[in-house]
Amino acid sequence: MPSLRTKSISTKVTDEEYAQFEALAGGQTISEWARDVLLNATKPNAGEQTVLAEVLALRTILLNVHFAVSQGQTLTDEKMQQLIERADQNKLSKARERLAEAATGGVP
């Protein structure tokens, strides 16, 4: 049995904003459209997570390569592959953590 919707959220908008919402709602009522938009806003955005994960992995690799080179180390193919694998292991969880921190106003 589905739960009954018993709570309400409301806001005031201008005539222009209302017209914009009507156009965006299409065949839905504005109320249903707004509910869908609000619920979707609470879900993680896969695209953002993927891009941030790749940027964080690249950052990890770059910093490790820079540190190794600054210490006079030679990076072999095997060592480079290890750096890439290590960066890839937790890139998505790090991205999710960063996005969650940003959503709550936290600072990493």
PDB file of N, CA and C in Angstrom:
ATOM      1  N   MET A   1       0.846  -1.187   0.000  1.00  0.00           N
ATOM      2  CA  MET A   1       0.000   0.000   0.000  1.00  0.00           C
ATOM      3  C   MET A   1       0.889   1.248   0.000  1.00  0.00           C
ATOM      4  N   PRO A   2       0.713   2.131  -0.982  1.00  0.00           N
ATOM      5  CA  PRO A   2       1.550   3.337  -1.031  1.00  0.00           C
ATOM      6  C   PRO A   2       1.219   4.290   0.114  1.00  0.00           C
ATOM      7  N   SER A   3       2.231   5.050   0.522  1.00  0.00           N
ATOM      8  CA  SER A   3       2.010   6.024   1.594  1.00  0.00           C
ATOM      9  C   SER A   3       1.198   7.197   1.062  1.00  0.00           C
ATOM     10  N   LEU A   4       0.400   7.720   1.951  1.00  0.00           N
ATOM     11  CA  LEU A   4      -0.387   8.897   1.597  1.00  0.00           C
ATOM     12  C   LEU A   4       0.486  10.135   1.715  1.00  0.00           C
ATOM     13  N   ARG A   5       0.301  11.044   0.810  1.00  0.00           N
ATOM     14  CA  ARG A   5       1.022  12.316   0.866  1.00  0.00           C
ATOM     15  C   ARG A   5       0.225  13.248   1.766  1.00  0.00           C
ATOM     16  N   THR A   6       0.779  13.516   2.936  1.00  0.00           N
ATOM     17  CA  THR A   6       0.051  14.336   3.905  1.00  0.00           C
ATOM     18  C   THR A   6       0.742  15.652   4.222  1.00  0.00           C
ATOM     19  N   LYS A   7       1.961  15.826   3.761  1.00  0.00           N
ATOM     20  CA  LYS A   7       2.717  17.050   4.037  1.00  0.00           C
ATOM     21  C   LYS A   7       2.743  17.924   2.795  1.00  0.00           C
ATOM     22  N   SER A   8       2.899  19.225   3.011  1.00  0.00           N
ATOM     23  CA  SER A   8       2.869  20.163   1.903  1.00  0.00           C
ATOM     24  C   SER A   8       4.064  21.113   1.980  1.00  0.00           C
ATOM     25  N   ILE A   9       4.555  21.490   0.808  1.00  0.00           N
ATOM     26  CA  ILE A   9       5.617  22.495   0.689  1.00  0.00           C
ATOM     27  C   ILE A   9       5.099  23.550  -0.272  1.00  0.00           C
ATOM     28  N   SER A  10       5.261  24.811   0.081  1.00  0.00           N
ATOM     29  CA  SER A  10       4.773  25.856  -0.819  1.00  0.00           C
ATOM     30  C   SER A  10       5.756  27.018  -0.875  1.00  0.00           C
ATOM     31  N   THR A  11       5.576  27.826  -1.908  1.00  0.00           N
ATOM     32  CA  THR A  11       6.404  29.014  -2.068  1.00  0.00           C
ATOM     33  C   THR A  11       5.647  30.026  -2.919  1.00  0.00           C
ATOM     34  N   LYS A  12       6.027  31.251  -2.837  1.00  0.00           N
ATOM     35  CA  LYS A  12       5.434  32.304  -3.657  1.00  0.00           C
ATOM     36  C   LYS A  12       6.335  32.556  -4.853  1.00  0.00           C
ATOM     37  N   VAL A  13       5.720  32.783  -6.011  1.00  0.00           N
ATOM     38  CA  VAL A  13       6.468  33.071  -7.231  1.00  0.00           C
ATOM     39  C   VAL A  13       5.831  34.249  -7.953  1.00  0.00           C
ATOM     40  N   THR A  14       6.607  34.849  -8.843  1.00  0.00           N
ATOM     41  CA  THR A  14       6.075  35.947  -9.660  1.00  0.00           C
ATOM     42  C   THR A  14       5.246  35.363 -10.807  1.00  0.00           C
ATOM     43  N   ASP A  15       4.519  36.219 -11.507  1.00  0.00           N
ATOM     44  CA  ASP A  15       3.752  35.767 -12.667  1.00  0.00           C
ATOM     45  C   ASP A  15       4.678  35.170 -13.727  1.00  0.00           C
ATOM     46  N   GLU A  16       5.835  35.796 -13.911  1.00  0.00           N
ATOM     47  CA  GLU A  16       6.791  35.302 -14.897  1.00  0.00           C
ATOM     48  C   GLU A  16       7.332  33.930 -14.507  1.00  0.00           C
ATOM     49  N   GLU A  17       7.662  33.763 -13.242  1.00  0.00           N
ATOM     50  CA  GLU A  17       8.157  32.467 -12.771  1.00  0.00           C
ATOM     51  C   GLU A  17       7.076  31.392 -12.925  1.00  0.00           C
ATOM     52  N   TYR A  18       5.842  31.747 -12.599  1.00  0.00           N
ATOM     53  CA  TYR A  18       4.740  30.795 -12.724  1.00  0.00           C
ATOM     54  C   TYR A  18       4.569  30.362 -14.180  1.00  0.00           C
ATOM     55  N   ALA A  19       4.654  31.301 -15.087  1.00  0.00           N
ATOM     56  CA  ALA A  19       4.530  30.988 -16.513  1.00  0.00           C
ATOM     57  C   ALA A  19       5.673  30.073 -16.957  1.00  0.00           C
ATOM     58  N   GLN A  20       6.846  30.319 -16.448  1.00  0.00           N
ATOM     59  CA  GLN A  20       7.998  29.478 -16.775  1.00  0.00           C
ATOM     60  C   GLN A  20       7.766  28.056 -16.258  1.00  0.00           C
ATOM     61  N   PHE A  21       7.268  27.929 -15.038  1.00  0.00           N
ATOM     62  CA  PHE A  21       6.988  26.615 -14.470  1.00  0.00           C
ATOM     63  C   PHE A  21       5.892  25.889 -15.244  1.00  0.00           C
ATOM     64  N   GLU A  22       4.870  26.636 -15.663  1.00  0.00           N
ATOM     65  CA  GLU A  22       3.798  26.038 -16.464  1.00  0.00           C
ATOM     66  C   GLU A  22       4.362  25.441 -17.757  1.00  0.00           C
ATOM     67  N   ALA A  23       5.237  26.195 -18.392  1.00  0.00           N
ATOM     68  CA  ALA A  23       5.820  25.729 -19.646  1.00  0.00           C
ATOM     69  C   ALA A  23       6.687  24.494 -19.408  1.00  0.00           C
ATOM     70  N   LEU A  24       7.443  24.495 -18.342  1.00  0.00           N
ATOM     71  CA  LEU A  24       8.307  23.362 -18.031  1.00  0.00           C
ATOM     72  C   LEU A  24       7.514  22.126 -17.620  1.00  0.00           C
ATOM     73  N   ALA A  25       6.372  22.335 -16.986  1.00  0.00           N
ATOM     74  CA  ALA A  25       5.556  21.219 -16.504  1.00  0.00           C
ATOM     75  C   ALA A  25       4.944  20.435 -17.657  1.00  0.00           C
ATOM     76  N   GLY A  26       4.730  21.080 -18.782  1.00  0.00           N
ATOM     77  CA  GLY A  26       4.145  20.382 -19.927  1.00  0.00           C
ATOM     78  C   GLY A  26       2.769  19.841 -19.588  1.00  0.00           C
ATOM     79  N   GLY A  27       2.597  18.524 -19.718  1.00  0.00           N
ATOM     80  CA  GLY A  27       1.311  17.898 -19.454  1.00  0.00           C
ATOM     81  C   GLY A  27       1.023  17.646 -17.982  1.00  0.00           C
ATOM     82  N   GLN A  28       2.012  17.836 -17.128  1.00  0.00           N
ATOM     83  CA  GLN A  28       1.822  17.623 -15.689  1.00  0.00           C
ATOM     84  C   GLN A  28       1.228  18.865 -15.040  1.00  0.00           C
ATOM     85  N   THR A  29       0.636  18.659 -13.883  1.00  0.00           N
ATOM     86  CA  THR A  29       0.263  19.824 -13.089  1.00  0.00           C
ATOM     87  C   THR A  29       1.562  20.434 -12.550  1.00  0.00           C
ATOM     88  N   ILE A  30       1.513  21.692 -12.243  1.00  0.00           N
ATOM     89  CA  ILE A  30       2.714  22.339 -11.697  1.00  0.00           C
ATOM     90  C   ILE A  30       3.104  21.671 -10.387  1.00  0.00           C
ATOM     91  N   SER A  31       2.140  21.275  -9.604  1.00  0.00           N
ATOM     92  CA  SER A  31       2.411  20.614  -8.329  1.00  0.00           C
ATOM     93  C   SER A  31       3.183  19.306  -8.534  1.00  0.00           C
ATOM     94  N   GLU A  32       2.719  18.471  -9.465  1.00  0.00           N
ATOM     95  CA  GLU A  32       3.408  17.206  -9.737  1.00  0.00           C
ATOM     96  C   GLU A  32       4.792  17.459 -10.315  1.00  0.00           C
ATOM     97  N   TRP A  33       4.890  18.427 -11.226  1.00  0.00           N
ATOM     98  CA  TRP A  33       6.180  18.753 -11.815  1.00  0.00           C
ATOM     99  C   TRP A  33       7.153  19.209 -10.727  1.00  0.00           C
ATOM    100  N   ALA A  34       6.706  20.113  -9.853  1.00  0.00           N
ATOM    101  CA  ALA A  34       7.563  20.632  -8.782  1.00  0.00           C
ATOM    102  C   ALA A  34       7.997  19.504  -7.848  1.00  0.00           C
ATOM    103  N   ARG A  35       7.076  18.591  -7.548  1.00  0.00           N
ATOM    104  CA  ARG A  35       7.403  17.448  -6.696  1.00  0.00           C
ATOM    105  C   ARG A  35       8.496  16.612  -7.356  1.00  0.00           C
ATOM    106  N   ASP A  36       8.359  16.321  -8.648  1.00  0.00           N
ATOM    107  CA  ASP A  36       9.371  15.548  -9.368  1.00  0.00           C
ATOM    108  C   ASP A  36      10.724  16.252  -9.359  1.00  0.00           C
ATOM    109  N   VAL A  37      10.697  17.558  -9.599  1.00  0.00           N
ATOM    110  CA  VAL A  37      11.950  18.330  -9.618  1.00  0.00           C
ATOM    111  C   VAL A  37      12.621  18.287  -8.241  1.00  0.00           C
ATOM    112  N   LEU A  38      11.851  18.470  -7.188  1.00  0.00           N
ATOM    113  CA  LEU A  38      12.412  18.440  -5.835  1.00  0.00           C
ATOM    114  C   LEU A  38      12.972  17.065  -5.492  1.00  0.00           C
ATOM    115  N   LEU A  39      12.241  16.014  -5.839  1.00  0.00           N
ATOM    116  CA  LEU A  39      12.730  14.666  -5.550  1.00  0.00           C
ATOM    117  C   LEU A  39      13.986  14.345  -6.354  1.00  0.00           C
ATOM    118  N   ASN A  40      14.029  14.762  -7.606  1.00  0.00           N
ATOM    119  CA  ASN A  40      15.223  14.526  -8.430  1.00  0.00           C
ATOM    120  C   ASN A  40      16.424  15.308  -7.922  1.00  0.00           C
ATOM    121  N   ALA A  41      16.179  16.454  -7.330  1.00  0.00           N
ATOM    122  CA  ALA A  41      17.280  17.274  -6.806  1.00  0.00           C
ATOM    123  C   ALA A  41      17.958  16.607  -5.613  1.00  0.00           C
ATOM    124  N   THR A  42      17.265  15.677  -4.963  1.00  0.00           N
ATOM    125  CA  THR A  42      17.856  14.992  -3.807  1.00  0.00           C
ATOM    126  C   THR A  42      18.686  13.786  -4.208  1.00  0.00           C
ATOM    127  N   LYS A  43      18.612  13.395  -5.475  1.00  0.00           N
ATOM    128  CA  LYS A  43      19.355  12.229  -5.955  1.00  0.00           C
ATOM    129  C   LYS A  43      20.713  12.667  -6.491  1.00  0.00           C
ATOM    130  N   PRO A  44      21.724  11.854  -6.275  1.00  0.00           N
ATOM    131  CA  PRO A  44      23.038  12.202  -6.808  1.00  0.00           C
ATOM    132  C   PRO A  44      23.015  12.257  -8.332  1.00  0.00           C
ATOM    133  N   ASN A  45      23.740  13.207  -8.874  1.00  0.00           N
ATOM    134  CA  ASN A  45      23.844  13.352 -10.313  1.00  0.00           C
ATOM    135  C   ASN A  45      25.018  12.500 -10.791  1.00  0.00           C
ATOM    136  N   ALA A  46      24.710  11.471 -11.578  1.00  0.00           N
ATOM    137  CA  ALA A  46      25.748  10.538 -12.035  1.00  0.00           C
ATOM    138  C   ALA A  46      26.823  11.238 -12.860  1.00  0.00           C
ATOM    139  N   GLY A  47      26.426  12.189 -13.680  1.00  0.00           N
ATOM    140  CA  GLY A  47      27.399  12.911 -14.493  1.00  0.00           C
ATOM    141  C   GLY A  47      28.378  13.699 -13.642  1.00  0.00           C
ATOM    142  N   GLU A  48      27.861  14.410 -12.662  1.00  0.00           N
ATOM    143  CA  GLU A  48      28.732  15.175 -11.764  1.00  0.00           C
ATOM    144  C   GLU A  48      29.678  14.248 -11.011  1.00  0.00           C
ATOM    145  N   GLN A  49      29.137  13.129 -10.528  1.00  0.00           N
ATOM    146  CA  GLN A  49      29.973  12.177  -9.791  1.00  0.00           C
ATOM    147  C   GLN A  49      31.099  11.638 -10.669  1.00  0.00           C
ATOM    148  N   THR A  50      30.774  11.302 -11.903  1.00  0.00           N
ATOM    149  CA  THR A  50      31.771  10.732 -12.810  1.00  0.00           C
ATOM    150  C   THR A  50      32.867  11.741 -13.130  1.00  0.00           C
ATOM    151  N   VAL A  51      32.479  12.957 -13.465  1.00  0.00           N
ATOM    152  CA  VAL A  51      33.472  13.982 -13.807  1.00  0.00           C
ATOM    153  C   VAL A  51      34.349  14.297 -12.602  1.00  0.00           C
ATOM    154  N   LEU A  52      33.730  14.480 -11.448  1.00  0.00           N
ATOM    155  CA  LEU A  52      34.515  14.779 -10.254  1.00  0.00           C
ATOM    156  C   LEU A  52      35.425  13.610  -9.899  1.00  0.00           C
ATOM    157  N   ALA A  53      34.953  12.383 -10.046  1.00  0.00           N
ATOM    158  CA  ALA A  53      35.781  11.205  -9.753  1.00  0.00           C
ATOM    159  C   ALA A  53      37.022  11.191 -10.639  1.00  0.00           C
ATOM    160  N   GLU A  54      36.839  11.487 -11.922  1.00  0.00           N
ATOM    161  CA  GLU A  54      37.980  11.506 -12.838  1.00  0.00           C
ATOM    162  C   GLU A  54      38.951  12.634 -12.505  1.00  0.00           C
ATOM    163  N   VAL A  55      38.428  13.787 -12.147  1.00  0.00           N
ATOM    164  CA  VAL A  55      39.295  14.913 -11.778  1.00  0.00           C
ATOM    165  C   VAL A  55      40.080  14.582 -10.508  1.00  0.00           C
ATOM    166  N   LEU A  56      39.417  13.971  -9.533  1.00  0.00           N
ATOM    167  CA  LEU A  56      40.115  13.607  -8.298  1.00  0.00           C
ATOM    168  C   LEU A  56      41.179  12.540  -8.553  1.00  0.00           C
ATOM    169  N   ALA A  57      40.877  11.565  -9.428  1.00  0.00           N
ATOM    170  CA  ALA A  57      41.867  10.543  -9.762  1.00  0.00           C
ATOM    171  C   ALA A  57      43.060  11.182 -10.469  1.00  0.00           C
ATOM    172  N   LEU A  58      42.779  12.075 -11.399  1.00  0.00           N
ATOM    173  CA  LEU A  58      43.851  12.765 -12.111  1.00  0.00           C
ATOM    174  C   LEU A  58      44.699  13.582 -11.143  1.00  0.00           C
ATOM    175  N   ARG A  59      44.050  14.246 -10.205  1.00  0.00           N
ATOM    176  CA  ARG A  59      44.767  15.030  -9.190  1.00  0.00           C
ATOM    177  C   ARG A  59      45.687  14.133  -8.368  1.00  0.00           C
ATOM    178  N   THR A  60      45.172  12.978  -7.966  1.00  0.00           N
ATOM    179  CA  THR A  60      45.964  12.035  -7.182  1.00  0.00           C
ATOM    180  C   THR A  60      47.187  11.573  -7.968  1.00  0.00           C
ATOM    181  N   ILE A  61      46.966  11.215  -9.220  1.00  0.00           N
ATOM    182  CA  ILE A  61      48.075  10.755 -10.066  1.00  0.00           C
ATOM    183  C   ILE A  61      49.102  11.873 -10.258  1.00  0.00           C
ATOM    184  N   LEU A  62      48.609  13.057 -10.591  1.00  0.00           N
ATOM    185  CA  LEU A  62      49.510  14.188 -10.841  1.00  0.00           C
ATOM    186  C   LEU A  62      50.349  14.534  -9.614  1.00  0.00           C
ATOM    187  N   LEU A  63      49.723  14.576  -8.451  1.00  0.00           N
ATOM    188  CA  LEU A  63      50.471  14.903  -7.237  1.00  0.00           C
ATOM    189  C   LEU A  63      51.510  13.831  -6.911  1.00  0.00           C
ATOM    190  N   ASN A  64      51.143  12.569  -7.107  1.00  0.00           N
ATOM    191  CA  ASN A  64      52.094  11.490  -6.844  1.00  0.00           C
ATOM    192  C   ASN A  64      53.255  11.495  -7.829  1.00  0.00           C
ATOM    193  N   VAL A  65      52.972  11.765  -9.090  1.00  0.00           N
ATOM    194  CA  VAL A  65      54.040  11.849 -10.091  1.00  0.00           C
ATOM    195  C   VAL A  65      54.949  13.032  -9.777  1.00  0.00           C
ATOM    196  N   HIS A  66      54.346  14.158  -9.469  1.00  0.00           N
ATOM    197  CA  HIS A  66      55.142  15.352  -9.144  1.00  0.00           C
ATOM    198  C   HIS A  66      56.038  15.089  -7.937  1.00  0.00           C
ATOM    199  N   PHE A  67      55.493  14.463  -6.912  1.00  0.00           N
ATOM    200  CA  PHE A  67      56.287  14.172  -5.710  1.00  0.00           C
ATOM    201  C   PHE A  67      57.429  13.220  -6.052  1.00  0.00           C
ATOM    202  N   ALA A  68      57.138  12.168  -6.798  1.00  0.00           N
ATOM    203  CA  ALA A  68      58.174  11.190  -7.149  1.00  0.00           C
ATOM    204  C   ALA A  68      59.297  11.853  -7.944  1.00  0.00           C
ATOM    205  N   VAL A  69      58.940  12.654  -8.923  1.00  0.00           N
ATOM    206  CA  VAL A  69      59.943  13.328  -9.754  1.00  0.00           C
ATOM    207  C   VAL A  69      60.753  14.320  -8.914  1.00  0.00           C
ATOM    208  N   SER A  70      60.097  15.030  -8.023  1.00  0.00           N
ATOM    209  CA  SER A  70      60.816  15.997  -7.184  1.00  0.00           C
ATOM    210  C   SER A  70      61.791  15.314  -6.229  1.00  0.00           C
ATOM    211  N   GLN A  71      61.545  14.035  -5.945  1.00  0.00           N
ATOM    212  CA  GLN A  71      62.447  13.265  -5.088  1.00  0.00           C
ATOM    213  C   GLN A  71      63.533  12.541  -5.893  1.00  0.00           C
ATOM    214  N   GLY A  72      63.541  12.792  -7.204  1.00  0.00           N
ATOM    215  CA  GLY A  72      64.553  12.187  -8.060  1.00  0.00           C
ATOM    216  C   GLY A  72      64.254  10.753  -8.455  1.00  0.00           C
ATOM    217  N   GLN A  73      63.049  10.292  -8.219  1.00  0.00           N
ATOM    218  CA  GLN A  73      62.685   8.918  -8.578  1.00  0.00           C
ATOM    219  C   GLN A  73      62.364   8.820 -10.061  1.00  0.00           C
ATOM    220  N   THR A  74      62.651   7.668 -10.606  1.00  0.00           N
ATOM    221  CA  THR A  74      62.287   7.383 -11.987  1.00  0.00           C
ATOM    222  C   THR A  74      60.991   6.574 -11.966  1.00  0.00           C
ATOM    223  N   LEU A  75      60.026   7.019 -12.753  1.00  0.00           N
ATOM    224  CA  LEU A  75      58.752   6.315 -12.799  1.00  0.00           C
ATOM    225  C   LEU A  75      58.777   5.260 -13.897  1.00  0.00           C
ATOM    226  N   THR A  76      58.705   4.028 -13.480  1.00  0.00           N
ATOM    227  CA  THR A  76      58.640   2.931 -14.444  1.00  0.00           C
ATOM    228  C   THR A  76      57.189   2.766 -14.892  1.00  0.00           C
ATOM    229  N   ASP A  77      56.996   1.993 -15.956  1.00  0.00           N
ATOM    230  CA  ASP A  77      55.635   1.700 -16.412  1.00  0.00           C
ATOM    231  C   ASP A  77      54.833   1.025 -15.296  1.00  0.00           C
ATOM    232  N   GLU A  78      55.488   0.115 -14.585  1.00  0.00           N
ATOM    233  CA  GLU A  78      54.813  -0.613 -13.503  1.00  0.00           C
ATOM    234  C   GLU A  78      54.397   0.344 -12.377  1.00  0.00           C
ATOM    235  N   LYS A  79      55.280   1.243 -12.005  1.00  0.00           N
ATOM    236  CA  LYS A  79      54.973   2.207 -10.939  1.00  0.00           C
ATOM    237  C   LYS A  79      53.838   3.137 -11.370  1.00  0.00           C
ATOM    238  N   MET A  80      53.864   3.572 -12.624  1.00  0.00           N
ATOM    239  CA  MET A  80      52.808   4.441 -13.135  1.00  0.00           C
ATOM    240  C   MET A  80      51.472   3.711 -13.120  1.00  0.00           C
ATOM    241  N   GLN A  81      51.468   2.462 -13.520  1.00  0.00           N
ATOM    242  CA  GLN A  81      50.243   1.667 -13.511  1.00  0.00           C
ATOM    243  C   GLN A  81      49.708   1.510 -12.086  1.00  0.00           C
ATOM    244  N   GLN A  82      50.602   1.337 -11.122  1.00  0.00           N
ATOM    245  CA  GLN A  82      50.185   1.237  -9.717  1.00  0.00           C
ATOM    246  C   GLN A  82      49.539   2.533  -9.245  1.00  0.00           C
ATOM    247  N   LEU A  83      50.116   3.676  -9.648  1.00  0.00           N
ATOM    248  CA  LEU A  83      49.540   4.969  -9.280  1.00  0.00           C
ATOM    249  C   LEU A  83      48.137   5.125  -9.866  1.00  0.00           C
ATOM    250  N   ILE A  84      47.971   4.711 -11.114  1.00  0.00           N
ATOM    251  CA  ILE A  84      46.665   4.817 -11.772  1.00  0.00           C
ATOM    252  C   ILE A  84      45.649   3.917 -11.082  1.00  0.00           C
ATOM    253  N   GLU A  85      46.047   2.679 -10.805  1.00  0.00           N
ATOM    254  CA  GLU A  85      45.132   1.744 -10.144  1.00  0.00           C
ATOM    255  C   GLU A  85      44.740   2.236  -8.759  1.00  0.00           C
ATOM    256  N   ARG A  86      45.702   2.779  -8.027  1.00  0.00           N
ATOM    257  CA  ARG A  86      45.410   3.299  -6.689  1.00  0.00           C
ATOM    258  C   ARG A  86      44.438   4.477  -6.763  1.00  0.00           C
ATOM    259  N   ALA A  87      44.649   5.347  -7.735  1.00  0.00           N
ATOM    260  CA  ALA A  87      43.766   6.511  -7.889  1.00  0.00           C
ATOM    261  C   ALA A  87      42.358   6.070  -8.286  1.00  0.00           C
ATOM    262  N   ASP A  88      42.268   5.033  -9.120  1.00  0.00           N
ATOM    263  CA  ASP A  88      40.970   4.556  -9.584  1.00  0.00           C
ATOM    264  C   ASP A  88      40.187   3.799  -8.510  1.00  0.00           C
ATOM    265  N   GLN A  89      40.871   3.227  -7.536  1.00  0.00           N
ATOM    266  CA  GLN A  89      40.221   2.391  -6.532  1.00  0.00           C
ATOM    267  C   GLN A  89      39.136   3.115  -5.747  1.00  0.00           C
ATOM    268  N   ASN A  90      39.394   4.332  -5.360  1.00  0.00           N
ATOM    269  CA  ASN A  90      38.430   5.016  -4.490  1.00  0.00           C
ATOM    270  C   ASN A  90      37.969   6.357  -5.043  1.00  0.00           C
ATOM    271  N   LYS A  91      38.119   6.556  -6.341  1.00  0.00           N
ATOM    272  CA  LYS A  91      37.777   7.854  -6.911  1.00  0.00           C
ATOM    273  C   LYS A  91      36.288   8.164  -6.791  1.00  0.00           C
ATOM    274  N   LEU A  92      35.423   7.176  -6.993  1.00  0.00           N
ATOM    275  CA  LEU A  92      33.990   7.430  -6.927  1.00  0.00           C
ATOM    276  C   LEU A  92      33.539   7.712  -5.493  1.00  0.00           C
ATOM    277  N   SER A  93      34.070   6.967  -4.535  1.00  0.00           N
ATOM    278  CA  SER A  93      33.683   7.227  -3.138  1.00  0.00           C
ATOM    279  C   SER A  93      34.172   8.605  -2.689  1.00  0.00           C
ATOM    280  N   LYS A  94      35.358   9.003  -3.143  1.00  0.00           N
ATOM    281  CA  LYS A  94      35.858  10.346  -2.813  1.00  0.00           C
ATOM    282  C   LYS A  94      34.978  11.423  -3.444  1.00  0.00           C
ATOM    283  N   ALA A  95      34.560  11.187  -4.677  1.00  0.00           N
ATOM    284  CA  ALA A  95      33.687  12.151  -5.355  1.00  0.00           C
ATOM    285  C   ALA A  95      32.370  12.281  -4.603  1.00  0.00           C
ATOM    286  N   ARG A  96      31.785  11.157  -4.195  1.00  0.00           N
ATOM    287  CA  ARG A  96      30.522  11.195  -3.443  1.00  0.00           C
ATOM    288  C   ARG A  96      30.691  11.944  -2.128  1.00  0.00           C
ATOM    289  N   GLU A  97      31.815  11.702  -1.456  1.00  0.00           N
ATOM    290  CA  GLU A  97      32.084  12.416  -0.196  1.00  0.00           C
ATOM    291  C   GLU A  97      32.164  13.918  -0.432  1.00  0.00           C
ATOM    292  N   ARG A  98      32.901  14.319  -1.467  1.00  0.00           N
ATOM    293  CA  ARG A  98      33.061  15.749  -1.768  1.00  0.00           C
ATOM    294  C   ARG A  98      31.728  16.395  -2.129  1.00  0.00           C
ATOM    295  N   LEU A  99      30.909  15.699  -2.928  1.00  0.00           N
ATOM    296  CA  LEU A  99      29.611  16.249  -3.306  1.00  0.00           C
ATOM    297  C   LEU A  99      28.688  16.345  -2.096  1.00  0.00           C
ATOM    298  N   ALA A 100      28.754  15.366  -1.204  1.00  0.00           N
ATOM    299  CA  ALA A 100      27.941  15.402   0.011  1.00  0.00           C
ATOM    300  C   ALA A 100      28.378  16.560   0.912  1.00  0.00           C
ATOM    301  N   GLU A 101      29.675  16.761   1.010  1.00  0.00           N
ATOM    302  CA  GLU A 101      30.192  17.883   1.803  1.00  0.00           C
ATOM    303  C   GLU A 101      29.737  19.207   1.216  1.00  0.00           C
ATOM    304  N   ALA A 102      29.793  19.305  -0.097  1.00  0.00           N
ATOM    305  CA  ALA A 102      29.383  20.546  -0.754  1.00  0.00           C
ATOM    306  C   ALA A 102      27.889  20.797  -0.556  1.00  0.00           C
ATOM    307  N   ALA A 103      27.084  19.730  -0.597  1.00  0.00           N
ATOM    308  CA  ALA A 103      25.630  19.872  -0.435  1.00  0.00           C
ATOM    309  C   ALA A 103      25.246  20.317   0.964  1.00  0.00           C
ATOM    310  N   THR A 104      26.043  19.932   1.955  1.00  0.00           N
ATOM    311  CA  THR A 104      25.730  20.285   3.340  1.00  0.00           C
ATOM    312  C   THR A 104      26.512  21.496   3.825  1.00  0.00           C
ATOM    313  N   GLY A 105      27.310  22.072   2.925  1.00  0.00           N
ATOM    314  CA  GLY A 105      28.080  23.261   3.305  1.00  0.00           C
ATOM    315  C   GLY A 105      29.352  22.929   4.054  1.00  0.00           C
ATOM    316  N   GLY A 106      29.718  21.655   4.093  1.00  0.00           N
ATOM    317  CA  GLY A 106      30.945  21.232   4.777  1.00  0.00           C
ATOM    318  C   GLY A 106      32.169  21.578   3.965  1.00  0.00           C
ATOM    319  N   VAL A 107      33.284  21.543   4.620  1.00  0.00           N
ATOM    320  CA  VAL A 107      34.559  21.833   3.958  1.00  0.00           C
ATOM    321  C   VAL A 107      35.414  20.580   4.076  1.00  0.00           C
ATOM    322  N   PRO A 108      36.004  20.110   2.946  1.00  0.00           N
ATOM    323  CA  PRO A 108      36.840  18.892   3.015  1.00  0.00           C
ATOM    324  C   PRO A 108      38.045  19.069   3.889  1.00  0.00           C
TER     325      PRO A 108
END
